[in-house]
């Protein structure tokens, strides 16, 4: 449902594929870039991944004969990991995104605009309303802000304000990991 791929011995950026309706095998995002999702057949060879294999094309950052690559592949697991998409509502009282568990880590990215990637977790401050954004920018910079953007609930997350980084009228991709990665964990 989500693949991150990187050449370990080259200066190429990260390639990522979200297996969601808004993305599919013809689009790619780069975790070290603020760019929008790009249409390209060169990375994933226009082929959706299965539960056992993924296909790469001939684009240099995913397939150069002399380079060594690493791929991190994630799929939806009830009570543990959720990959998906949501459409922001662009208002201060943001929408609720269902994950089926209390998230410990959330990564989001707009597929349409040149915005930063947004990371939230429950360890830096960890209690509602103090869940601050950590932004990954195109210059490989990471910044933490104190905006109190999100609430973490027992079955998902909800945004507290509007922002092009996580909640405006666009489609966003996300991956979330559970605080208690067990299917029947007790809510807090």
N, C-alpha and C. Protein backbone atom coordinates (compact mmCIF):
# COMPACT_ATOMS: atom_id res chain seq x y z
N UNK A 1 0.81 -1.21 0.00
CA UNK A 1 0.00 0.00 0.00
C UNK A 1 0.85 1.27 0.00
N UNK A 2 2.09 1.17 0.49
CA UNK A 2 3.01 2.31 0.45
C UNK A 2 4.43 1.76 0.33
N UNK A 3 5.18 2.30 -0.62
CA UNK A 3 6.56 1.87 -0.86
C UNK A 3 7.47 3.08 -0.83
N UNK A 4 8.57 2.99 -0.09
CA UNK A 4 9.65 3.98 -0.11
C UNK A 4 10.88 3.27 -0.66
N UNK A 5 11.50 3.82 -1.68
CA UNK A 5 12.64 3.18 -2.31
C UNK A 5 13.76 4.20 -2.49
N UNK A 6 15.00 3.78 -2.20
CA UNK A 6 16.14 4.70 -2.27
C UNK A 6 17.39 3.95 -2.69
N UNK A 7 18.17 4.58 -3.56
CA UNK A 7 19.50 4.07 -3.89
C UNK A 7 20.40 4.35 -2.69
N UNK A 8 21.03 3.31 -2.17
CA UNK A 8 21.88 3.47 -0.98
C UNK A 8 23.22 4.08 -1.30
N UNK A 9 23.66 3.97 -2.54
CA UNK A 9 25.00 4.41 -2.88
C UNK A 9 25.01 5.49 -3.96
N UNK A 10 23.93 6.28 -4.02
CA UNK A 10 23.86 7.36 -5.01
C UNK A 10 23.13 8.55 -4.41
N UNK A 11 23.29 9.69 -5.02
CA UNK A 11 22.67 10.91 -4.54
C UNK A 11 21.23 11.10 -4.99
N UNK A 12 20.63 10.08 -5.54
CA UNK A 12 19.23 10.17 -5.98
C UNK A 12 18.30 10.33 -4.78
N UNK A 13 17.15 10.97 -5.02
CA UNK A 13 16.17 11.14 -3.96
C UNK A 13 15.36 9.87 -3.73
N UNK A 14 14.50 9.93 -2.74
CA UNK A 14 13.59 8.84 -2.42
C UNK A 14 12.45 8.82 -3.43
N UNK A 15 12.05 7.65 -3.84
CA UNK A 15 10.83 7.47 -4.64
C UNK A 15 9.79 6.81 -3.76
N UNK A 16 8.56 7.25 -3.86
CA UNK A 16 7.52 6.61 -3.06
C UNK A 16 6.27 6.42 -3.89
N UNK A 17 5.58 5.33 -3.60
CA UNK A 17 4.34 5.02 -4.29
C UNK A 17 3.27 4.73 -3.25
N UNK A 18 2.11 5.36 -3.45
CA UNK A 18 0.95 5.13 -2.60
C UNK A 18 -0.05 4.34 -3.44
N UNK A 19 -0.44 3.19 -2.99
CA UNK A 19 -1.42 2.39 -3.73
C UNK A 19 -2.82 2.77 -3.26
N UNK A 20 -3.24 3.99 -3.62
CA UNK A 20 -4.55 4.52 -3.26
C UNK A 20 -5.23 5.01 -4.54
N UNK A 21 -6.53 5.23 -4.51
CA UNK A 21 -7.23 5.67 -5.73
C UNK A 21 -6.67 6.95 -6.35
N UNK A 22 -6.22 7.89 -5.53
CA UNK A 22 -5.72 9.15 -6.07
C UNK A 22 -4.33 9.04 -6.68
N UNK A 23 -3.61 8.01 -6.36
CA UNK A 23 -2.23 7.87 -6.85
C UNK A 23 -2.08 6.73 -7.83
N UNK A 24 -2.08 5.51 -7.36
CA UNK A 24 -1.91 4.36 -8.24
C UNK A 24 -0.50 4.24 -8.79
N UNK A 25 -0.29 3.33 -9.73
CA UNK A 25 1.06 3.01 -10.20
C UNK A 25 1.64 3.99 -11.21
N UNK A 26 0.90 5.02 -11.59
CA UNK A 26 1.43 5.97 -12.57
C UNK A 26 1.96 7.25 -11.94
N UNK A 27 1.83 7.39 -10.62
CA UNK A 27 2.29 8.61 -9.95
C UNK A 27 3.27 8.27 -8.85
N UNK A 28 4.13 9.24 -8.55
CA UNK A 28 5.15 9.05 -7.54
C UNK A 28 5.35 10.35 -6.78
N UNK A 29 5.74 10.23 -5.52
CA UNK A 29 6.14 11.39 -4.73
C UNK A 29 7.54 11.13 -4.20
N UNK A 30 8.22 12.18 -3.80
CA UNK A 30 9.57 12.04 -3.25
C UNK A 30 9.57 12.62 -1.85
N UNK A 31 9.96 11.82 -0.87
CA UNK A 31 9.89 12.24 0.52
C UNK A 31 10.87 13.37 0.83
N UNK A 32 11.86 13.58 -0.01
CA UNK A 32 12.80 14.67 0.18
C UNK A 32 12.48 15.85 -0.73
N UNK A 33 11.20 15.96 -1.13
CA UNK A 33 10.78 17.05 -2.02
C UNK A 33 9.41 17.56 -1.59
N UNK A 34 9.19 18.85 -1.80
CA UNK A 34 7.87 19.42 -1.53
C UNK A 34 6.98 19.35 -2.76
N UNK A 35 7.46 18.81 -3.84
CA UNK A 35 6.70 18.77 -5.09
C UNK A 35 5.42 17.95 -4.99
N UNK A 36 4.52 18.24 -5.91
CA UNK A 36 3.28 17.48 -5.97
C UNK A 36 3.54 16.12 -6.58
N UNK A 37 2.56 15.25 -6.54
CA UNK A 37 2.69 13.92 -7.13
C UNK A 37 2.92 14.06 -8.63
N UNK A 38 3.94 13.38 -9.13
CA UNK A 38 4.29 13.47 -10.54
C UNK A 38 3.84 12.22 -11.28
N UNK A 39 3.30 12.41 -12.47
CA UNK A 39 2.93 11.27 -13.30
C UNK A 39 4.18 10.80 -14.04
N UNK A 40 4.48 9.52 -13.86
CA UNK A 40 5.68 8.96 -14.47
C UNK A 40 5.53 7.45 -14.58
N UNK A 41 5.81 6.91 -15.74
CA UNK A 41 5.79 5.45 -15.88
C UNK A 41 7.17 4.86 -15.61
N UNK A 42 8.19 5.72 -15.47
CA UNK A 42 9.55 5.25 -15.33
C UNK A 42 9.89 4.67 -13.97
N UNK A 43 9.12 4.98 -12.94
CA UNK A 43 9.43 4.46 -11.62
C UNK A 43 8.76 3.13 -11.33
N UNK A 44 7.48 3.04 -11.53
CA UNK A 44 6.74 1.85 -11.12
C UNK A 44 6.22 1.06 -12.33
N UNK A 45 6.66 1.42 -13.52
CA UNK A 45 6.34 0.69 -14.75
C UNK A 45 4.83 0.54 -14.97
N UNK A 46 4.06 1.52 -14.48
CA UNK A 46 2.59 1.52 -14.60
C UNK A 46 1.96 0.22 -14.08
N UNK A 47 2.57 -0.37 -13.07
CA UNK A 47 2.09 -1.64 -12.54
C UNK A 47 1.86 -1.50 -11.04
N UNK A 48 0.65 -1.78 -10.60
CA UNK A 48 0.34 -1.73 -9.18
C UNK A 48 1.02 -2.88 -8.45
N UNK A 49 1.48 -2.65 -7.21
CA UNK A 49 2.09 -3.73 -6.46
C UNK A 49 1.04 -4.75 -6.03
N UNK A 50 1.49 -5.97 -5.77
CA UNK A 50 0.62 -7.00 -5.22
C UNK A 50 1.02 -7.20 -3.76
N UNK A 51 0.48 -8.23 -3.13
CA UNK A 51 0.86 -8.47 -1.74
C UNK A 51 2.21 -9.19 -1.64
N UNK A 52 2.84 -9.51 -2.77
CA UNK A 52 4.14 -10.19 -2.72
C UNK A 52 5.23 -9.51 -3.54
N UNK A 53 4.90 -8.72 -4.56
CA UNK A 53 5.92 -8.10 -5.41
C UNK A 53 5.53 -6.68 -5.80
N UNK A 54 6.54 -5.88 -6.13
CA UNK A 54 6.31 -4.59 -6.78
C UNK A 54 7.21 -4.51 -8.00
N UNK A 55 6.83 -3.70 -8.96
CA UNK A 55 7.54 -3.60 -10.22
C UNK A 55 8.21 -2.24 -10.33
N UNK A 56 9.44 -2.23 -10.81
CA UNK A 56 10.12 -0.97 -11.06
C UNK A 56 10.31 -0.80 -12.56
N UNK A 57 10.41 0.45 -12.96
CA UNK A 57 10.63 0.76 -14.36
C UNK A 57 12.09 1.05 -14.62
N UNK A 58 12.35 1.93 -15.57
CA UNK A 58 13.73 2.20 -15.98
C UNK A 58 14.23 3.57 -15.53
N UNK A 59 13.53 4.24 -14.68
CA UNK A 59 13.95 5.55 -14.21
C UNK A 59 15.14 5.38 -13.27
N UNK A 60 16.12 6.26 -13.40
CA UNK A 60 17.39 6.12 -12.71
C UNK A 60 17.33 6.04 -11.20
N UNK A 61 16.40 6.75 -10.56
CA UNK A 61 16.41 6.72 -9.11
C UNK A 61 15.85 5.42 -8.52
N UNK A 62 15.24 4.56 -9.36
CA UNK A 62 14.74 3.27 -8.87
C UNK A 62 15.41 2.08 -9.54
N UNK A 63 16.16 2.31 -10.63
CA UNK A 63 16.69 1.17 -11.37
C UNK A 63 17.91 1.58 -12.19
N UNK A 64 19.07 1.55 -11.56
CA UNK A 64 20.34 1.74 -12.25
C UNK A 64 21.19 0.52 -11.95
N UNK A 65 21.74 -0.08 -12.97
CA UNK A 65 22.43 -1.36 -12.86
C UNK A 65 23.51 -1.39 -11.79
N UNK A 66 24.23 -0.32 -11.59
CA UNK A 66 25.37 -0.34 -10.68
C UNK A 66 25.03 0.08 -9.25
N UNK A 67 23.80 0.45 -8.97
CA UNK A 67 23.43 0.93 -7.63
C UNK A 67 22.79 -0.16 -6.78
N UNK A 68 22.92 0.02 -5.47
CA UNK A 68 22.26 -0.85 -4.50
C UNK A 68 21.06 -0.10 -3.94
N UNK A 69 19.92 -0.76 -3.83
CA UNK A 69 18.68 -0.11 -3.40
C UNK A 69 18.13 -0.76 -2.13
N UNK A 70 17.37 0.04 -1.42
CA UNK A 70 16.61 -0.47 -0.29
C UNK A 70 15.17 -0.02 -0.48
N UNK A 71 14.25 -0.91 -0.16
CA UNK A 71 12.82 -0.58 -0.26
C UNK A 71 12.13 -0.92 1.05
N UNK A 72 11.33 0.00 1.52
CA UNK A 72 10.48 -0.23 2.69
C UNK A 72 9.06 -0.35 2.16
N UNK A 73 8.43 -1.48 2.39
CA UNK A 73 7.08 -1.75 1.87
C UNK A 73 6.12 -1.94 3.02
N UNK A 74 5.02 -1.19 2.99
CA UNK A 74 4.03 -1.23 4.06
C UNK A 74 2.68 -1.61 3.48
N UNK A 75 1.88 -2.31 4.27
CA UNK A 75 0.51 -2.58 3.86
C UNK A 75 -0.40 -2.46 5.07
N UNK A 76 -1.69 -2.29 4.81
CA UNK A 76 -2.67 -2.15 5.88
C UNK A 76 -2.76 -3.43 6.70
N UNK A 77 -2.64 -3.26 8.01
CA UNK A 77 -2.82 -4.36 8.95
C UNK A 77 -3.74 -3.85 10.03
N UNK A 78 -4.89 -4.49 10.21
CA UNK A 78 -5.85 -4.06 11.23
C UNK A 78 -5.18 -3.91 12.58
N UNK A 79 -5.40 -2.76 13.20
CA UNK A 79 -4.86 -2.51 14.53
C UNK A 79 -3.39 -2.19 14.58
N UNK A 80 -2.72 -2.10 13.45
CA UNK A 80 -1.27 -1.87 13.45
C UNK A 80 -0.85 -0.74 12.51
N UNK A 81 -1.20 -0.82 11.23
CA UNK A 81 -0.76 0.14 10.23
C UNK A 81 -1.92 0.47 9.30
N UNK A 82 -2.05 1.76 8.96
CA UNK A 82 -3.10 2.17 8.03
C UNK A 82 -2.49 3.12 7.00
N UNK A 83 -2.64 2.75 5.72
CA UNK A 83 -2.25 3.60 4.60
C UNK A 83 -3.53 4.04 3.93
N UNK A 84 -3.65 5.32 3.62
CA UNK A 84 -4.88 5.77 2.98
C UNK A 84 -4.78 7.18 2.47
N UNK A 85 -5.94 7.74 2.19
CA UNK A 85 -6.01 9.12 1.73
C UNK A 85 -7.24 9.76 2.36
N UNK A 86 -7.21 11.08 2.43
CA UNK A 86 -8.36 11.84 2.90
C UNK A 86 -8.39 13.15 2.13
N UNK A 87 -9.56 13.74 2.07
CA UNK A 87 -9.71 15.07 1.47
C UNK A 87 -9.89 16.06 2.61
N UNK A 88 -8.98 17.03 2.68
CA UNK A 88 -9.08 18.05 3.71
C UNK A 88 -10.34 18.89 3.51
N UNK A 89 -10.82 19.49 4.60
CA UNK A 89 -12.00 20.35 4.49
C UNK A 89 -11.66 21.83 4.57
N UNK A 90 -10.41 22.17 4.88
CA UNK A 90 -9.96 23.55 4.83
C UNK A 90 -10.55 24.46 5.89
N UNK A 91 -11.14 23.92 6.94
CA UNK A 91 -11.69 24.77 8.00
C UNK A 91 -11.00 24.45 9.32
N UNK A 92 -11.16 25.36 10.28
CA UNK A 92 -10.47 25.22 11.55
C UNK A 92 -10.87 23.94 12.28
N UNK A 93 -12.13 23.56 12.19
CA UNK A 93 -12.58 22.32 12.80
C UNK A 93 -12.44 21.22 11.76
N UNK A 94 -11.24 20.71 11.63
CA UNK A 94 -10.92 19.75 10.57
C UNK A 94 -11.67 18.44 10.71
N UNK A 95 -11.53 17.63 9.69
CA UNK A 95 -12.25 16.36 9.66
C UNK A 95 -11.52 15.29 10.46
N UNK A 96 -12.26 14.24 10.78
CA UNK A 96 -11.73 13.09 11.48
C UNK A 96 -11.31 12.05 10.46
N UNK A 97 -10.13 11.44 10.64
CA UNK A 97 -9.63 10.39 9.76
C UNK A 97 -9.58 9.09 10.57
N UNK A 98 -10.34 8.10 10.14
CA UNK A 98 -10.43 6.83 10.85
C UNK A 98 -9.24 5.94 10.50
N UNK A 99 -8.58 5.41 11.53
CA UNK A 99 -7.50 4.45 11.32
C UNK A 99 -7.83 3.09 11.93
N UNK A 100 -8.72 3.08 12.90
CA UNK A 100 -9.05 1.84 13.60
C UNK A 100 -8.19 1.61 14.83
N UNK A 101 -7.31 2.56 15.16
CA UNK A 101 -6.43 2.46 16.33
C UNK A 101 -5.99 3.86 16.72
N UNK A 102 -5.41 3.97 17.92
CA UNK A 102 -4.83 5.24 18.36
C UNK A 102 -3.45 5.37 17.72
N UNK A 103 -3.25 6.38 16.86
CA UNK A 103 -1.98 6.51 16.17
C UNK A 103 -0.84 6.97 17.09
N UNK A 104 0.33 6.38 16.88
CA UNK A 104 1.55 6.83 17.54
C UNK A 104 2.41 7.65 16.59
N UNK A 105 2.24 7.44 15.28
CA UNK A 105 3.02 8.13 14.25
C UNK A 105 2.13 8.30 13.02
N UNK A 106 2.15 9.51 12.45
CA UNK A 106 1.38 9.81 11.24
C UNK A 106 2.26 10.61 10.30
N UNK A 107 2.29 10.21 9.03
CA UNK A 107 2.98 10.94 7.97
C UNK A 107 1.95 11.30 6.92
N UNK A 108 1.85 12.58 6.55
CA UNK A 108 0.89 13.01 5.53
C UNK A 108 1.60 13.85 4.46
N UNK A 109 1.00 13.86 3.26
CA UNK A 109 1.50 14.68 2.16
C UNK A 109 0.38 14.98 1.19
N UNK A 110 0.24 16.24 0.82
CA UNK A 110 -0.69 16.63 -0.24
C UNK A 110 -0.15 16.13 -1.57
N UNK A 111 -1.02 15.59 -2.41
CA UNK A 111 -0.54 15.12 -3.71
C UNK A 111 -0.65 16.19 -4.78
N UNK A 112 -1.32 17.30 -4.46
CA UNK A 112 -1.57 18.31 -5.49
C UNK A 112 -0.71 19.56 -5.36
N UNK A 113 -0.20 19.86 -4.19
CA UNK A 113 0.52 21.12 -4.03
C UNK A 113 1.94 20.90 -3.57
N UNK A 114 2.76 21.89 -3.76
CA UNK A 114 4.16 21.83 -3.36
C UNK A 114 4.32 22.19 -1.90
N UNK A 115 3.83 21.36 -1.01
CA UNK A 115 3.92 21.60 0.42
C UNK A 115 4.85 20.60 1.07
N UNK A 116 5.23 20.89 2.30
CA UNK A 116 6.07 19.99 3.08
C UNK A 116 5.31 18.72 3.45
N UNK A 117 6.06 17.69 3.78
CA UNK A 117 5.50 16.50 4.39
C UNK A 117 5.27 16.83 5.85
N UNK A 118 4.22 16.29 6.44
CA UNK A 118 3.90 16.56 7.85
C UNK A 118 4.01 15.27 8.65
N UNK A 119 4.69 15.34 9.78
CA UNK A 119 4.83 14.20 10.68
C UNK A 119 4.27 14.58 12.04
N UNK A 120 3.49 13.66 12.61
CA UNK A 120 2.97 13.80 13.96
C UNK A 120 3.29 12.53 14.72
N UNK A 121 3.52 12.66 16.03
CA UNK A 121 3.75 11.48 16.84
C UNK A 121 3.25 11.74 18.25
N UNK A 122 3.21 10.70 19.05
CA UNK A 122 2.70 10.83 20.41
C UNK A 122 3.82 10.90 21.45
N UNK A 123 5.07 11.02 21.03
CA UNK A 123 6.19 11.02 21.97
C UNK A 123 6.77 12.39 22.28
N UNK A 124 6.79 13.30 21.34
CA UNK A 124 7.43 14.59 21.60
C UNK A 124 6.67 15.34 22.69
N UNK A 125 5.38 15.50 22.57
CA UNK A 125 4.54 16.03 23.65
C UNK A 125 3.47 14.99 23.97
N UNK A 126 2.76 14.57 22.94
CA UNK A 126 1.95 13.38 23.05
C UNK A 126 0.56 13.45 23.61
N UNK A 127 0.13 14.60 24.09
CA UNK A 127 -1.21 14.68 24.67
C UNK A 127 -2.00 15.77 23.98
N UNK A 128 -3.26 15.51 23.70
CA UNK A 128 -4.11 16.52 23.09
C UNK A 128 -4.17 17.70 24.06
N UNK A 129 -3.98 18.88 23.71
CA UNK A 129 -3.91 19.47 22.39
C UNK A 129 -2.48 19.71 21.91
N UNK A 130 -1.50 19.19 22.58
CA UNK A 130 -0.10 19.48 22.24
C UNK A 130 0.51 18.45 21.30
N UNK A 131 0.01 18.36 20.09
CA UNK A 131 0.60 17.49 19.08
C UNK A 131 1.07 18.37 17.94
N UNK A 132 2.34 18.66 17.92
CA UNK A 132 2.92 19.62 16.98
C UNK A 132 3.40 18.94 15.70
N UNK A 133 3.42 19.73 14.65
CA UNK A 133 3.87 19.25 13.34
C UNK A 133 5.40 19.27 13.27
N UNK A 134 5.96 18.25 12.65
CA UNK A 134 7.35 18.25 12.24
C UNK A 134 7.31 18.24 10.72
N UNK A 135 7.89 19.24 10.09
CA UNK A 135 7.81 19.36 8.64
C UNK A 135 9.12 18.96 8.00
N UNK A 136 9.00 18.14 6.93
CA UNK A 136 10.16 17.77 6.12
C UNK A 136 10.06 18.57 4.84
N UNK A 137 11.07 19.40 4.59
CA UNK A 137 11.04 20.25 3.42
C UNK A 137 11.91 19.75 2.29
N UNK A 138 11.82 20.44 1.17
CA UNK A 138 12.56 20.06 -0.01
C UNK A 138 14.06 20.20 0.12
N UNK A 139 14.51 21.04 1.01
CA UNK A 139 15.96 21.23 1.18
C UNK A 139 16.52 20.26 2.21
N UNK A 140 15.79 19.19 2.49
CA UNK A 140 16.17 18.18 3.48
C UNK A 140 16.19 18.75 4.89
N UNK A 141 15.52 19.88 5.09
CA UNK A 141 15.45 20.46 6.42
C UNK A 141 14.24 19.89 7.15
N UNK A 142 14.38 19.78 8.45
CA UNK A 142 13.28 19.33 9.30
C UNK A 142 13.02 20.44 10.31
N UNK A 143 11.78 20.90 10.39
CA UNK A 143 11.43 21.93 11.35
C UNK A 143 10.26 21.47 12.19
N UNK A 144 10.30 21.81 13.46
CA UNK A 144 9.19 21.53 14.35
C UNK A 144 8.52 22.84 14.72
N UNK A 145 7.22 22.84 14.67
CA UNK A 145 6.47 24.03 15.03
C UNK A 145 5.59 23.72 16.23
N UNK A 146 5.07 24.73 16.86
CA UNK A 146 4.24 24.55 18.06
C UNK A 146 2.82 25.01 17.79
N UNK A 147 2.21 24.44 16.77
CA UNK A 147 0.90 24.90 16.33
C UNK A 147 -0.28 24.11 16.88
N UNK A 148 -0.03 23.01 17.58
CA UNK A 148 -1.11 22.18 18.11
C UNK A 148 -2.13 21.85 17.03
N UNK A 149 -1.68 21.13 16.00
CA UNK A 149 -2.47 20.91 14.79
C UNK A 149 -3.47 19.78 14.86
N UNK A 150 -3.26 18.79 15.71
CA UNK A 150 -3.97 17.53 15.56
C UNK A 150 -4.31 16.95 16.93
N UNK A 151 -5.42 16.24 16.99
CA UNK A 151 -5.77 15.46 18.17
C UNK A 151 -5.69 13.99 17.80
N UNK A 152 -5.12 13.20 18.69
CA UNK A 152 -5.03 11.76 18.50
C UNK A 152 -6.12 11.10 19.32
N UNK A 153 -6.95 10.30 18.68
CA UNK A 153 -8.06 9.62 19.35
C UNK A 153 -7.85 8.12 19.32
N UNK A 154 -8.70 7.40 20.01
CA UNK A 154 -8.56 5.95 20.11
C UNK A 154 -8.78 5.24 18.78
N UNK A 155 -9.44 5.90 17.82
CA UNK A 155 -9.69 5.26 16.52
C UNK A 155 -9.22 6.09 15.33
N UNK A 156 -8.40 7.10 15.56
CA UNK A 156 -7.92 7.91 14.44
C UNK A 156 -7.37 9.25 14.88
N UNK A 157 -7.44 10.23 13.97
CA UNK A 157 -6.93 11.56 14.27
C UNK A 157 -7.84 12.62 13.65
N UNK A 158 -7.77 13.83 14.22
CA UNK A 158 -8.61 14.95 13.78
C UNK A 158 -7.78 16.22 13.81
N UNK A 159 -7.87 16.99 12.72
CA UNK A 159 -7.11 18.23 12.64
C UNK A 159 -7.85 19.37 13.33
N UNK A 160 -7.07 20.25 13.94
CA UNK A 160 -7.61 21.36 14.72
C UNK A 160 -7.64 22.68 13.95
N UNK A 161 -7.01 22.71 12.79
CA UNK A 161 -6.98 23.96 12.01
C UNK A 161 -6.72 23.64 10.55
N UNK A 162 -6.81 24.65 9.72
CA UNK A 162 -6.57 24.51 8.29
C UNK A 162 -5.11 24.83 7.96
N UNK A 163 -4.54 24.10 7.03
CA UNK A 163 -3.17 24.35 6.58
C UNK A 163 -2.95 23.62 5.27
N UNK A 164 -2.18 24.20 4.34
CA UNK A 164 -1.86 23.48 3.10
C UNK A 164 -1.00 22.25 3.34
N UNK A 165 -0.37 22.13 4.51
CA UNK A 165 0.47 20.97 4.81
C UNK A 165 -0.33 19.75 5.27
N UNK A 166 -1.59 19.94 5.71
CA UNK A 166 -2.33 18.79 6.19
C UNK A 166 -3.84 18.91 6.09
N UNK A 167 -4.40 20.11 5.93
CA UNK A 167 -5.85 20.24 5.89
C UNK A 167 -6.29 21.45 5.09
N UNK A 168 -6.34 21.31 3.79
CA UNK A 168 -7.06 22.26 2.95
C UNK A 168 -7.85 21.42 1.95
N UNK A 169 -8.51 22.03 1.01
CA UNK A 169 -9.42 21.31 0.12
C UNK A 169 -8.64 20.55 -0.96
N UNK A 170 -7.81 19.62 -0.54
CA UNK A 170 -7.02 18.80 -1.44
C UNK A 170 -7.03 17.37 -0.93
N UNK A 171 -6.50 16.47 -1.76
CA UNK A 171 -6.35 15.07 -1.34
C UNK A 171 -4.97 14.91 -0.73
N UNK A 172 -4.93 14.24 0.42
CA UNK A 172 -3.69 13.95 1.14
C UNK A 172 -3.54 12.45 1.28
N UNK A 173 -2.31 11.99 1.17
CA UNK A 173 -1.97 10.60 1.44
C UNK A 173 -1.50 10.53 2.89
N UNK A 174 -1.68 9.40 3.55
CA UNK A 174 -1.15 9.26 4.91
C UNK A 174 -0.78 7.81 5.19
N UNK A 175 0.14 7.65 6.12
CA UNK A 175 0.43 6.37 6.72
C UNK A 175 0.47 6.60 8.22
N UNK A 176 -0.16 5.71 8.97
CA UNK A 176 -0.21 5.82 10.43
C UNK A 176 0.12 4.48 11.05
N UNK A 177 0.83 4.53 12.18
CA UNK A 177 1.17 3.33 12.94
C UNK A 177 0.56 3.43 14.33
N UNK A 178 0.12 2.31 14.87
CA UNK A 178 -0.61 2.27 16.13
C UNK A 178 0.30 2.45 17.34
N UNK A 179 -0.27 3.05 18.37
CA UNK A 179 0.40 3.16 19.66
C UNK A 179 0.54 1.79 20.31
N UNK A 180 -0.50 1.00 20.28
CA UNK A 180 -0.50 -0.38 20.76
C UNK A 180 -0.79 -1.27 19.57
N UNK A 181 0.21 -1.82 18.91
CA UNK A 181 -0.01 -2.53 17.65
C UNK A 181 -0.59 -3.93 17.82
N UNK A 182 -1.78 -3.97 18.38
CA UNK A 182 -2.49 -5.22 18.53
C UNK A 182 -3.92 -4.99 18.10
N UNK A 183 -4.51 -5.94 17.47
CA UNK A 183 -5.84 -5.75 16.90
C UNK A 183 -6.89 -5.37 17.94
N UNK A 184 -6.79 -5.89 19.14
CA UNK A 184 -7.80 -5.61 20.15
C UNK A 184 -7.24 -4.84 21.33
N UNK A 185 -6.35 -3.90 21.08
CA UNK A 185 -5.77 -3.09 22.16
C UNK A 185 -6.84 -2.22 22.80
N UNK A 186 -6.68 -1.96 24.07
CA UNK A 186 -7.62 -1.09 24.80
C UNK A 186 -7.35 0.36 24.44
N UNK A 187 -8.41 1.12 24.32
CA UNK A 187 -8.27 2.56 24.05
C UNK A 187 -7.78 3.24 25.31
N UNK A 188 -7.17 4.39 25.14
CA UNK A 188 -6.66 5.14 26.28
C UNK A 188 -7.58 6.29 26.59
